[in-house]
Amino acid sequence: MMFDLPDDDTLFAALLARNPAYDGRVYVGVTSTGVFCRLTCPARKPKRENCQFFDRIGACIEAGYRPCKRCHPMSPAVENDPDIARLLSALSDDPARRWGKRDIMALGLDPSTMRRAFKRQFGMTFLEMARLSRLRTGAEKLPKGARVIDAQFEAGYESPAAFRSAFSRWLGLPPARFAKDAMLRADWLDTRLGVMIAISDAHALHLLEFTERKALPRELKRLYAFAKGSLGFGRFAPTDRIEAELDAFFDLRNDQFETRLAPHGTAFTQEVWRALRKIPAGETRSYSDVARAIGRPDASRAVAGANGANPIATVIPCHRVLGSDGALTGYGGGLWRKQALIELERGFARHEKSALS
């Protein structure tokens, strides 16, 4: 963090007062609109429960928010650096482009210089920003049935060695520390919403997460401890099966997942996760709806915590749970993914209605 954020109540009060003291230091993401703003934004103020506060623009973008078109939170960096303005303009003109260092050089700019400039201004590099833009653009086409994976999405990792290197960084361990004949084995899956990490044993899937999830390193360390270090690379049958089922899901061929799951959690979180799997594709519920479904009507806040702790994305559909006012609320893989999944699943609902008519 660039500086220690005050508590959320203090920041919400500053938002209501449009306090300029936090300009350039704190931003608010509004879950009901999917945009992020300065605290001085002139727009109508959101509800307290729809606000998330961040200390840098990059964190807002990583969480799936778009910059507000009224307060233009990125404009100071654009006004102060014409090279940043040039790159952002190029990205806006072609958000689906697969940018690389050569593209930056083709504009007469030095990639290393621009990397430092974007890191300093936004807390993320231009190439990271461009990658998220490309994923989000592709996700917007999913409900229309567009085949965008080959043209716009990341092609996973260039080699098994590249994946092992990334995995090692997440766990903070050298590759040599991973077992060869491990009880749990990890591999990556290319999906239409980006790269996912799958970990399974010979019988069940233990983890399925998008690589951008902030809690991923913590989840991996928990599994490493559970396996007493018997965690390595490769695949068992559950990983192959979930990959095939995800392909069918994203193609709107099947909304059912039959892969055996073994998510790690308390008795309460397991109960919540079972309830989530009963929500049909194409439908949503509120946290209070889920709390009532498990016979704990006063446990909405605990349900929200269990929802956020879900280690098997998409298959355990925590994305189908919204705020009481219909706001998207948080999602570890980014709000844009949550929106894309909800829009995609409406296709299953339409198919079901057509079959009944």
Protein backbone atom coordinates (compact mmCIF):
# COMPACT_ATOMS: atom_id res chain seq x y z
CA MET A 1 0.00 0.00 0.00
CA MET A 2 1.11 3.56 -0.68
CA PHE A 3 -0.04 4.64 2.81
CA ASP A 4 -2.18 3.21 5.57
CA LEU A 5 -5.84 3.70 4.70
CA PRO A 6 -8.15 5.02 7.41
CA ASP A 7 -11.08 2.76 8.31
CA ASP A 8 -13.94 2.49 5.84
CA ASP A 9 -16.33 4.57 7.98
CA THR A 10 -13.88 7.48 7.89
CA LEU A 11 -13.44 7.13 4.13
CA PHE A 12 -17.19 6.92 3.53
CA ALA A 13 -17.66 10.12 5.54
CA ALA A 14 -14.96 11.73 3.39
CA LEU A 15 -16.79 10.53 0.27
CA LEU A 16 -20.06 12.08 1.44
CA ALA A 17 -18.26 15.34 2.23
CA ARG A 18 -16.26 15.22 -1.05
CA ASN A 19 -13.17 15.78 1.07
CA PRO A 20 -10.27 16.82 -1.23
CA ALA A 21 -7.66 15.71 1.35
CA TYR A 22 -7.76 12.18 -0.09
CA ASP A 23 -7.58 13.15 -3.77
CA GLY A 24 -4.98 11.04 -5.52
CA ARG A 25 -4.54 8.82 -2.46
CA VAL A 26 -7.87 6.99 -2.10
CA TYR A 27 -10.41 5.79 -4.66
CA VAL A 28 -13.84 4.25 -4.21
CA GLY A 29 -15.16 1.33 -6.26
CA VAL A 30 -18.96 1.22 -6.50
CA THR A 31 -20.22 -2.34 -6.81
CA SER A 32 -23.66 -1.30 -8.09
CA THR A 33 -22.20 0.52 -11.11
CA GLY A 34 -18.83 -1.17 -11.64
CA VAL A 35 -16.94 2.13 -11.76
CA PHE A 36 -14.28 3.68 -9.52
CA CYS A 37 -14.15 7.35 -8.59
CA ARG A 38 -12.28 10.01 -6.67
CA LEU A 39 -13.82 10.77 -3.30
CA THR A 40 -14.61 14.24 -4.67
CA CYS A 41 -16.70 12.86 -7.56
CA PRO A 42 -19.79 15.05 -8.19
CA ALA A 43 -21.99 12.04 -8.97
CA ARG A 44 -24.77 10.98 -6.59
CA LYS A 45 -23.23 9.18 -3.66
CA PRO A 46 -23.60 5.38 -3.45
CA LYS A 47 -24.87 3.40 -0.50
CA ARG A 48 -22.32 2.49 2.15
CA GLU A 49 -22.63 -1.25 1.47
CA ASN A 50 -21.82 -0.71 -2.22
CA CYS A 51 -18.43 0.92 -1.57
CA GLN A 52 -14.93 -0.55 -1.66
CA PHE A 53 -11.93 1.68 -0.99
CA PHE A 54 -8.51 1.38 -2.63
CA ASP A 55 -5.19 3.19 -2.30
CA ARG A 56 -4.21 2.97 -5.97
CA ILE A 57 -5.84 2.96 -9.39
CA GLY A 58 -4.28 -0.37 -10.32
CA ALA A 59 -6.07 -2.08 -7.44
CA CYS A 60 -9.39 -0.68 -8.69
CA ILE A 61 -8.75 -2.03 -12.19
CA GLU A 62 -7.61 -5.42 -10.86
CA ALA A 63 -10.86 -5.65 -8.89
CA GLY A 64 -12.82 -5.14 -12.12
CA TYR A 65 -13.83 -1.48 -11.89
CA ARG A 66 -13.81 0.99 -14.80
CA PRO A 67 -12.81 4.66 -14.40
CA CYS A 68 -15.70 7.07 -13.82
CA LYS A 69 -16.56 9.30 -16.78
CA ARG A 70 -17.57 12.18 -14.51
CA CYS A 71 -14.57 12.60 -12.19
CA HIS A 72 -11.96 11.00 -14.52
CA PRO A 73 -9.70 9.54 -11.79
CA MET A 74 -6.91 8.77 -14.26
CA SER A 75 -6.73 12.28 -15.72
CA PRO A 76 -3.94 13.67 -13.46
CA ALA A 77 -1.51 11.07 -14.78
CA VAL A 78 -2.65 11.75 -18.34
CA GLU A 79 -2.24 15.50 -17.96
CA ASN A 80 1.21 15.20 -16.39
CA ASP A 81 2.73 12.70 -18.82
CA PRO A 82 1.95 12.86 -22.57
CA ASP A 83 3.47 9.41 -23.10
CA ILE A 84 1.03 7.87 -20.62
CA ALA A 85 -1.77 9.74 -22.35
CA ARG A 86 -0.64 8.35 -25.70
CA LEU A 87 -0.62 4.75 -24.52
CA LEU A 88 -3.97 5.04 -22.75
CA SER A 89 -5.48 6.59 -25.87
CA ALA A 90 -4.15 3.71 -27.99
CA LEU A 91 -5.58 1.20 -25.51
CA SER A 92 -8.96 2.94 -25.56
CA ASP A 93 -9.01 2.78 -29.36
CA ASP A 94 -8.26 -0.96 -29.39
CA PRO A 95 -9.03 -2.57 -25.99
CA ALA A 96 -8.96 -6.10 -27.47
CA ARG A 97 -5.43 -5.81 -28.81
CA ARG A 98 -2.76 -8.18 -27.49
CA TRP A 99 -0.14 -5.60 -26.54
CA GLY A 100 3.54 -6.41 -26.17
CA LYS A 101 6.82 -4.55 -25.77
CA ARG A 102 7.25 -4.30 -29.55
CA ASP A 103 3.94 -2.45 -29.84
CA ILE A 104 5.12 0.10 -27.30
CA MET A 105 8.40 0.51 -29.17
CA ALA A 106 6.48 0.97 -32.43
CA LEU A 107 4.97 4.11 -30.90
CA GLY A 108 8.47 5.45 -30.30
CA LEU A 109 8.32 4.77 -26.57
CA ASP A 110 10.74 2.88 -24.33
CA PRO A 111 9.04 -0.14 -22.64
CA SER A 112 11.18 0.10 -19.49
CA THR A 113 10.46 3.80 -19.08
CA MET A 114 6.72 3.26 -19.56
CA ARG A 115 6.73 0.33 -17.16
CA ARG A 116 8.16 2.55 -14.43
CA ALA A 117 5.82 5.42 -15.28
CA PHE A 118 2.68 3.28 -15.11
CA LYS A 119 3.85 1.56 -11.93
CA ARG A 120 4.45 4.94 -10.32
CA GLN A 121 1.14 6.45 -11.39
CA PHE A 122 -1.22 3.48 -11.22
CA GLY A 123 0.48 0.69 -9.26
CA MET A 124 0.45 -1.60 -12.32
CA THR A 125 2.23 -1.75 -15.68
CA PHE A 126 0.70 -0.80 -19.00
CA LEU A 127 0.91 -4.41 -20.22
CA GLU A 128 -0.94 -5.60 -17.11
CA MET A 129 -3.60 -2.97 -17.71
CA ALA A 130 -3.88 -3.95 -21.38
CA ARG A 131 -4.24 -7.63 -20.51
CA LEU A 132 -7.16 -6.92 -18.16
CA SER A 133 -8.73 -4.70 -20.80
CA ARG A 134 -8.48 -7.51 -23.35
CA LEU A 135 -10.03 -10.04 -20.97
CA ARG A 136 -12.86 -7.69 -20.08
CA THR A 137 -13.56 -6.94 -23.75
CA GLY A 138 -13.70 -10.63 -24.52
CA ALA A 139 -15.96 -11.29 -21.54
CA GLU A 140 -18.47 -8.72 -22.80
CA LYS A 141 -18.85 -10.80 -25.98
CA LEU A 142 -19.45 -14.10 -24.19
CA PRO A 143 -23.22 -13.70 -23.76
CA LYS A 144 -23.48 -13.09 -27.51
CA GLY A 145 -21.85 -16.44 -28.20
CA ALA A 146 -18.66 -15.01 -29.68
CA ARG A 147 -15.63 -17.28 -29.86
CA VAL A 148 -12.98 -14.98 -28.46
CA ILE A 149 -10.51 -17.22 -26.68
CA ASP A 150 -8.05 -17.69 -29.54
CA ALA A 151 -8.06 -14.08 -30.64
CA GLN A 152 -8.10 -12.18 -27.37
CA PHE A 153 -7.42 -14.24 -24.27
CA GLU A 154 -4.10 -15.23 -22.80
CA ALA A 155 -2.87 -18.59 -24.01
CA GLY A 156 -2.02 -19.69 -20.50
CA TYR A 157 1.68 -20.21 -19.90
CA GLU A 158 4.20 -20.61 -22.68
CA SER A 159 5.57 -23.83 -21.19
CA PRO A 160 5.27 -26.09 -18.14
CA ALA A 161 8.44 -24.45 -16.84
CA ALA A 162 6.77 -21.01 -16.97
CA PHE A 163 3.81 -22.34 -15.01
CA ARG A 164 6.06 -23.96 -12.41
CA SER A 165 7.94 -20.69 -12.01
CA ALA A 166 4.73 -18.72 -11.42
CA PHE A 167 3.41 -21.38 -9.03
CA SER A 168 6.66 -21.28 -7.08
CA ARG A 169 6.39 -17.51 -6.67
CA TRP A 170 2.85 -17.80 -5.30
CA LEU A 171 3.99 -20.26 -2.66
CA GLY A 172 7.36 -18.62 -2.03
CA LEU A 173 9.17 -21.93 -2.58
CA PRO A 174 11.83 -23.01 -5.10
CA PRO A 175 10.65 -25.52 -7.77
CA ALA A 176 12.89 -28.21 -6.24
CA ARG A 177 10.70 -28.21 -3.09
CA PHE A 178 7.70 -29.66 -4.94
CA ALA A 179 7.15 -33.42 -4.80
CA LYS A 180 7.48 -35.52 -7.97
CA ASP A 181 4.87 -38.16 -7.09
CA ALA A 182 2.68 -35.76 -5.17
CA MET A 183 -0.67 -36.46 -3.54
CA LEU A 184 -1.98 -33.12 -4.90
CA ARG A 185 -1.07 -31.99 -8.40
CA ALA A 186 -1.47 -28.57 -10.00
CA ASP A 187 -1.96 -27.53 -13.60
CA TRP A 188 -3.44 -24.61 -15.49
CA LEU A 189 -6.57 -24.44 -17.65
CA ASP A 190 -7.25 -21.97 -20.45
CA THR A 191 -10.87 -20.83 -20.24
CA ARG A 192 -12.90 -18.19 -22.01
CA LEU A 193 -12.61 -15.97 -18.96
CA GLY A 194 -8.87 -16.35 -18.53
CA VAL A 195 -6.39 -18.75 -16.97
CA MET A 196 -7.43 -20.90 -14.01
CA ILE A 197 -5.37 -23.03 -11.64
CA ALA A 198 -6.70 -26.53 -10.90
CA ILE A 199 -5.41 -28.75 -8.08
CA SER A 200 -6.68 -32.28 -7.57
CA ASP A 201 -5.78 -35.62 -6.09
CA ALA A 202 -6.57 -38.92 -7.78
CA HIS A 203 -10.23 -38.72 -6.73
CA ALA A 204 -11.40 -35.10 -6.37
CA LEU A 205 -10.80 -31.44 -7.21
CA HIS A 206 -9.49 -29.38 -4.29
CA LEU A 207 -9.07 -25.95 -5.90
CA LEU A 208 -10.11 -24.10 -9.05
CA GLU A 209 -9.25 -20.40 -9.14
CA PHE A 210 -8.56 -17.58 -11.59
CA THR A 211 -4.91 -16.60 -11.39
CA GLU A 212 -5.71 -12.98 -10.49
CA ARG A 213 -7.47 -13.89 -7.24
CA LYS A 214 -5.67 -12.11 -4.41
CA ALA A 215 -6.31 -14.98 -2.00
CA LEU A 216 -4.69 -17.55 -4.31
CA PRO A 217 -1.25 -17.62 -2.60
CA ARG A 218 -2.92 -18.09 0.80
CA GLU A 219 -5.11 -20.90 -0.54
CA LEU A 220 -2.09 -22.64 -2.08
CA LYS A 221 -0.17 -22.47 1.19
CA ARG A 222 -3.13 -23.98 3.01
CA LEU A 223 -3.22 -26.90 0.56
CA TYR A 224 0.55 -27.34 0.84
CA ALA A 225 0.19 -27.66 4.59
CA PHE A 226 -2.80 -30.02 4.24
CA ALA A 227 -0.77 -32.31 1.96
CA LYS A 228 2.25 -32.10 4.29
CA GLY A 229 4.32 -30.86 1.39
CA SER A 230 3.08 -33.51 -1.06
CA LEU A 231 2.09 -30.93 -3.67
CA GLY A 232 3.52 -31.01 -7.18
CA PHE A 233 2.77 -30.53 -10.85
CA GLY A 234 0.73 -32.55 -13.30
CA ARG A 235 -2.79 -33.90 -13.59
CA PHE A 236 -5.10 -36.49 -12.22
CA ALA A 237 -8.40 -37.46 -13.85
CA PRO A 238 -10.50 -34.83 -11.96
CA THR A 239 -8.52 -32.02 -13.63
CA ASP A 240 -9.13 -33.46 -17.09
CA ARG A 241 -12.79 -33.88 -16.30
CA ILE A 242 -13.32 -30.35 -14.97
CA GLU A 243 -11.56 -28.93 -18.03
CA ALA A 244 -14.02 -30.74 -20.32
CA GLU A 245 -16.97 -29.64 -18.19
CA LEU A 246 -15.83 -26.02 -18.23
CA ASP A 247 -15.58 -26.11 -22.02
CA ALA A 248 -19.16 -27.40 -22.21
CA PHE A 249 -20.31 -24.77 -19.72
CA PHE A 250 -18.79 -21.83 -21.60
CA ASP A 251 -20.21 -23.16 -24.86
CA LEU A 252 -23.70 -23.30 -23.25
CA ARG A 253 -23.84 -27.06 -23.87
CA ASN A 254 -24.16 -28.12 -20.23
CA ASP A 255 -24.54 -26.25 -16.94
CA GLN A 256 -23.99 -29.30 -14.73
CA PHE A 257 -20.65 -30.17 -13.14
CA GLU A 258 -20.19 -33.79 -12.10
CA THR A 259 -16.51 -33.68 -11.10
CA ARG A 260 -16.11 -34.77 -7.50
CA LEU A 261 -15.15 -31.81 -5.29
CA ALA A 262 -13.16 -31.66 -2.05
CA PRO A 263 -13.14 -27.99 -0.98
CA HIS A 264 -11.50 -27.31 2.37
CA GLY A 265 -13.63 -25.42 4.88
CA THR A 266 -15.55 -25.49 8.13
CA ALA A 267 -18.86 -27.30 8.54
CA PHE A 268 -20.66 -23.97 8.09
CA THR A 269 -18.80 -22.97 4.91
CA GLN A 270 -19.37 -26.44 3.46
CA GLU A 271 -23.10 -26.04 4.13
CA VAL A 272 -23.13 -22.67 2.38
CA TRP A 273 -21.21 -24.05 -0.61
CA ARG A 274 -23.71 -26.91 -0.97
CA ALA A 275 -26.53 -24.35 -0.98
CA LEU A 276 -24.78 -22.34 -3.69
CA ARG A 277 -24.65 -25.39 -5.95
CA LYS A 278 -28.46 -25.63 -5.73
CA ILE A 279 -28.92 -22.20 -7.33
CA PRO A 280 -29.83 -22.87 -10.99
CA ALA A 281 -27.72 -21.34 -13.74
CA GLY A 282 -29.35 -18.14 -14.93
CA GLU A 283 -30.71 -17.28 -11.48
CA THR A 284 -29.28 -15.24 -8.60
CA ARG A 285 -29.85 -15.05 -4.86
CA SER A 286 -29.05 -12.58 -2.10
CA TYR A 287 -26.94 -13.43 0.93
CA SER A 288 -30.09 -13.41 3.06
CA ASP A 289 -31.76 -15.82 0.60
CA VAL A 290 -28.89 -18.27 1.06
CA ALA A 291 -28.98 -17.80 4.84
CA ARG A 292 -32.68 -18.71 4.88
CA ALA A 293 -32.04 -21.68 2.57
CA ILE A 294 -29.67 -23.22 5.12
CA GLY A 295 -32.00 -22.49 8.02
CA ARG A 296 -29.83 -19.67 9.42
CA PRO A 297 -31.84 -16.51 8.58
CA ASP A 298 -29.71 -14.33 10.89
CA ALA A 299 -26.40 -15.42 9.35
CA SER A 300 -26.29 -13.25 6.22
CA ARG A 301 -22.91 -11.78 7.13
CA ALA A 302 -21.42 -15.21 7.83
CA VAL A 303 -22.85 -16.44 4.52
CA ALA A 304 -21.09 -13.56 2.77
CA GLY A 305 -17.82 -14.62 4.40
CA ALA A 306 -18.28 -18.23 3.32
CA ASN A 307 -19.18 -17.06 -0.18
CA GLY A 308 -15.93 -15.09 -0.40
CA ALA A 309 -13.90 -18.03 0.90
CA ASN A 310 -15.07 -20.37 -1.88
CA PRO A 311 -11.97 -22.11 -3.34
CA ILE A 312 -13.65 -23.65 -6.41
CA ALA A 313 -14.74 -20.84 -8.70
CA THR A 314 -17.62 -21.20 -11.17
CA VAL A 315 -18.37 -24.82 -10.17
CA ILE A 316 -19.41 -23.67 -6.70
CA PRO A 317 -21.26 -20.64 -8.11
CA CYS A 318 -20.56 -17.89 -5.59
CA HIS A 319 -20.97 -15.48 -8.53
CA ARG A 320 -24.74 -16.11 -8.39
CA VAL A 321 -25.03 -14.31 -5.03
CA LEU A 322 -25.71 -10.55 -5.09
CA GLY A 323 -26.29 -7.82 -2.54
CA SER A 324 -29.79 -7.29 -1.20
CA ASP A 325 -30.23 -4.40 -3.65
CA GLY A 326 -29.02 -6.45 -6.62
CA ALA A 327 -25.48 -5.01 -6.58
CA LEU A 328 -22.70 -7.31 -7.78
CA THR A 329 -20.73 -6.92 -4.50
CA GLY A 330 -17.24 -8.42 -4.40
CA TYR A 331 -15.79 -11.27 -6.43
CA GLY A 332 -12.26 -12.62 -6.12
CA GLY A 333 -11.86 -13.01 -9.88
CA GLY A 334 -12.97 -9.42 -10.58
CA LEU A 335 -16.44 -7.91 -10.88
CA TRP A 336 -16.26 -7.99 -14.67
CA ARG A 337 -15.95 -11.79 -14.51
CA LYS A 338 -18.93 -12.01 -12.16
CA GLN A 339 -21.00 -9.92 -14.56
CA ALA A 340 -19.84 -11.99 -17.54
CA LEU A 341 -20.76 -15.26 -15.79
CA ILE A 342 -24.22 -13.99 -14.87
CA GLU A 343 -24.84 -12.77 -18.42
CA LEU A 344 -23.55 -16.02 -19.90
CA GLU A 345 -25.78 -18.13 -17.68
CA ARG A 346 -28.88 -16.32 -18.85
CA GLY A 347 -28.33 -18.31 -22.02
CA PHE A 348 -29.05 -21.52 -20.08
CA ALA A 349 -32.28 -20.01 -18.77
CA ARG A 350 -33.31 -19.03 -22.31
CA HIS A 351 -32.56 -22.54 -23.60
CA GLU A 352 -34.67 -24.06 -20.82
CA LYS A 353 -37.63 -21.80 -21.61
CA SER A 354 -37.37 -22.67 -25.31
CA ALA A 355 -37.37 -26.39 -24.49
CA LEU A 356 -40.54 -26.00 -22.39
CA SER A 357 -42.42 -23.95 -24.99
